Amino acid sequence: MIGIQALNFLVRAWRDRRGQDLIEYALMAGFVAVTAGAIMPSVAGSISTIFSQISSVMTAAASQS
């Protein structure tokens, strides 16, 4: 019985598309930032700083949970 419930959960999770748009937008924003950094080397330092700050905030948030 537990196996069937687990299988049903996995099928529902696989079909669930909520949040997919947010991930796609985040990937697109990252791609644009990396491309801009490659095209304009003077901006690369600023982009690197921003991603470092985001990384530190994400690490701090992950350690709290």
C-alpha atoms as a PDB file:
ATOM      1  CA  MET A   1       0.000   0.000   0.000  1.00  0.00           C
ATOM      2  CA  ILE A   2       2.814   2.405   0.832  1.00  0.00           C
ATOM      3  CA  GLY A   3       4.449   1.665  -2.512  1.00  0.00           C
ATOM      4  CA  ILE A   4       1.302   2.705  -4.393  1.00  0.00           C
ATOM      5  CA  GLN A   5       1.040   5.919  -2.377  1.00  0.00           C
ATOM      6  CA  ALA A   6       4.679   6.719  -3.045  1.00  0.00           C
ATOM      7  CA  LEU A   7       4.195   6.048  -6.749  1.00  0.00           C
ATOM      8  CA  ASN A   8       1.126   8.313  -6.831  1.00  0.00           C
ATOM      9  CA  PHE A   9       3.099  11.063  -5.088  1.00  0.00           C
ATOM     10  CA  LEU A  10       5.953  10.784  -7.580  1.00  0.00           C
ATOM     11  CA  VAL A  11       3.556  10.914 -10.536  1.00  0.00           C
ATOM     12  CA  ARG A  12       1.846  14.027  -9.137  1.00  0.00           C
ATOM     13  CA  ALA A  13       5.205  15.687  -8.432  1.00  0.00           C
ATOM     14  CA  TRP A  14       6.413  14.888 -11.948  1.00  0.00           C
ATOM     15  CA  ARG A  15       3.313  16.433 -13.541  1.00  0.00           C
ATOM     16  CA  ASP A  16       3.244  19.508 -11.295  1.00  0.00           C
ATOM     17  CA  ARG A  17       4.364  22.551 -13.285  1.00  0.00           C
ATOM     18  CA  ARG A  18       3.928  25.258 -10.626  1.00  0.00           C
ATOM     19  CA  GLY A  19       7.094  27.250 -10.139  1.00  0.00           C
ATOM     20  CA  GLN A  20       8.514  26.246 -13.498  1.00  0.00           C
ATOM     21  CA  ASP A  21       8.152  29.777 -14.906  1.00  0.00           C
ATOM     22  CA  LEU A  22      10.101  31.258 -12.010  1.00  0.00           C
ATOM     23  CA  ILE A  23      12.991  28.889 -12.620  1.00  0.00           C
ATOM     24  CA  GLU A  24      12.974  29.646 -16.336  1.00  0.00           C
ATOM     25  CA  TYR A  25      13.046  33.396 -15.693  1.00  0.00           C
ATOM     26  CA  ALA A  26      15.898  32.996 -13.218  1.00  0.00           C
ATOM     27  CA  LEU A  27      17.903  30.952 -15.724  1.00  0.00           C
ATOM     28  CA  MET A  28      17.253  33.536 -18.431  1.00  0.00           C
ATOM     29  CA  ALA A  29      18.355  36.383 -16.142  1.00  0.00           C
ATOM     30  CA  GLY A  30      21.527  34.475 -15.305  1.00  0.00           C
ATOM     31  CA  PHE A  31      22.205  33.854 -18.982  1.00  0.00           C
ATOM     32  CA  VAL A  32      21.753  37.538 -19.802  1.00  0.00           C
ATOM     33  CA  ALA A  33      24.064  38.534 -16.941  1.00  0.00           C
ATOM     34  CA  VAL A  34      26.781  36.105 -18.037  1.00  0.00           C
ATOM     35  CA  THR A  35      26.471  37.217 -21.648  1.00  0.00           C
ATOM     36  CA  ALA A  36      26.665  40.867 -20.657  1.00  0.00           C
ATOM     37  CA  GLY A  37      29.729  40.104 -18.559  1.00  0.00           C
ATOM     38  CA  ALA A  38      31.408  38.416 -21.494  1.00  0.00           C
ATOM     39  CA  ILE A  39      30.588  41.277 -23.849  1.00  0.00           C
ATOM     40  CA  MET A  40      31.424  44.092 -21.448  1.00  0.00           C
ATOM     41  CA  PRO A  41      34.429  43.149 -19.297  1.00  0.00           C
ATOM     42  CA  SER A  42      34.127  46.326 -17.233  1.00  0.00           C
ATOM     43  CA  VAL A  43      30.739  45.110 -15.961  1.00  0.00           C
ATOM     44  CA  ALA A  44      32.048  41.627 -15.151  1.00  0.00           C
ATOM     45  CA  GLY A  45      33.348  42.710 -11.747  1.00  0.00           C
ATOM     46  CA  SER A  46      29.972  44.109 -10.743  1.00  0.00           C
ATOM     47  CA  ILE A  47      28.156  40.991 -11.876  1.00  0.00           C
ATOM     48  CA  SER A  48      30.605  38.819  -9.977  1.00  0.00           C
ATOM     49  CA  THR A  49      30.015  40.863  -6.823  1.00  0.00           C
ATOM     50  CA  ILE A  50      26.242  40.561  -7.168  1.00  0.00           C
ATOM     51  CA  PHE A  51      26.389  36.784  -7.661  1.00  0.00           C
ATOM     52  CA  SER A  52      28.733  36.484  -4.676  1.00  0.00           C
ATOM     53  CA  GLN A  53      26.268  38.394  -2.504  1.00  0.00           C
ATOM     54  CA  ILE A  54      23.386  36.232  -3.720  1.00  0.00           C
ATOM     55  CA  SER A  55      25.429  33.130  -2.984  1.00  0.00           C
ATOM     56  CA  SER A  56      26.194  34.258   0.551  1.00  0.00           C
ATOM     57  CA  VAL A  57      22.519  35.067   1.223  1.00  0.00           C
ATOM     58  CA  MET A  58      21.444  31.660  -0.120  1.00  0.00           C
ATOM     59  CA  THR A  59      24.072  29.899   1.985  1.00  0.00           C
ATOM     60  CA  ALA A  60      22.953  31.748   5.103  1.00  0.00           C
ATOM     61  CA  ALA A  61      19.299  30.919   4.387  1.00  0.00           C
ATOM     62  CA  ALA A  62      20.107  27.251   3.821  1.00  0.00           C
ATOM     63  CA  SER A  63      22.040  27.014   7.086  1.00  0.00           C
ATOM     64  CA  GLN A  64      19.085  28.391   9.075  1.00  0.00           C
ATOM     65  CA  SER A  65      16.721  25.620   8.061  1.00  0.00           C
END
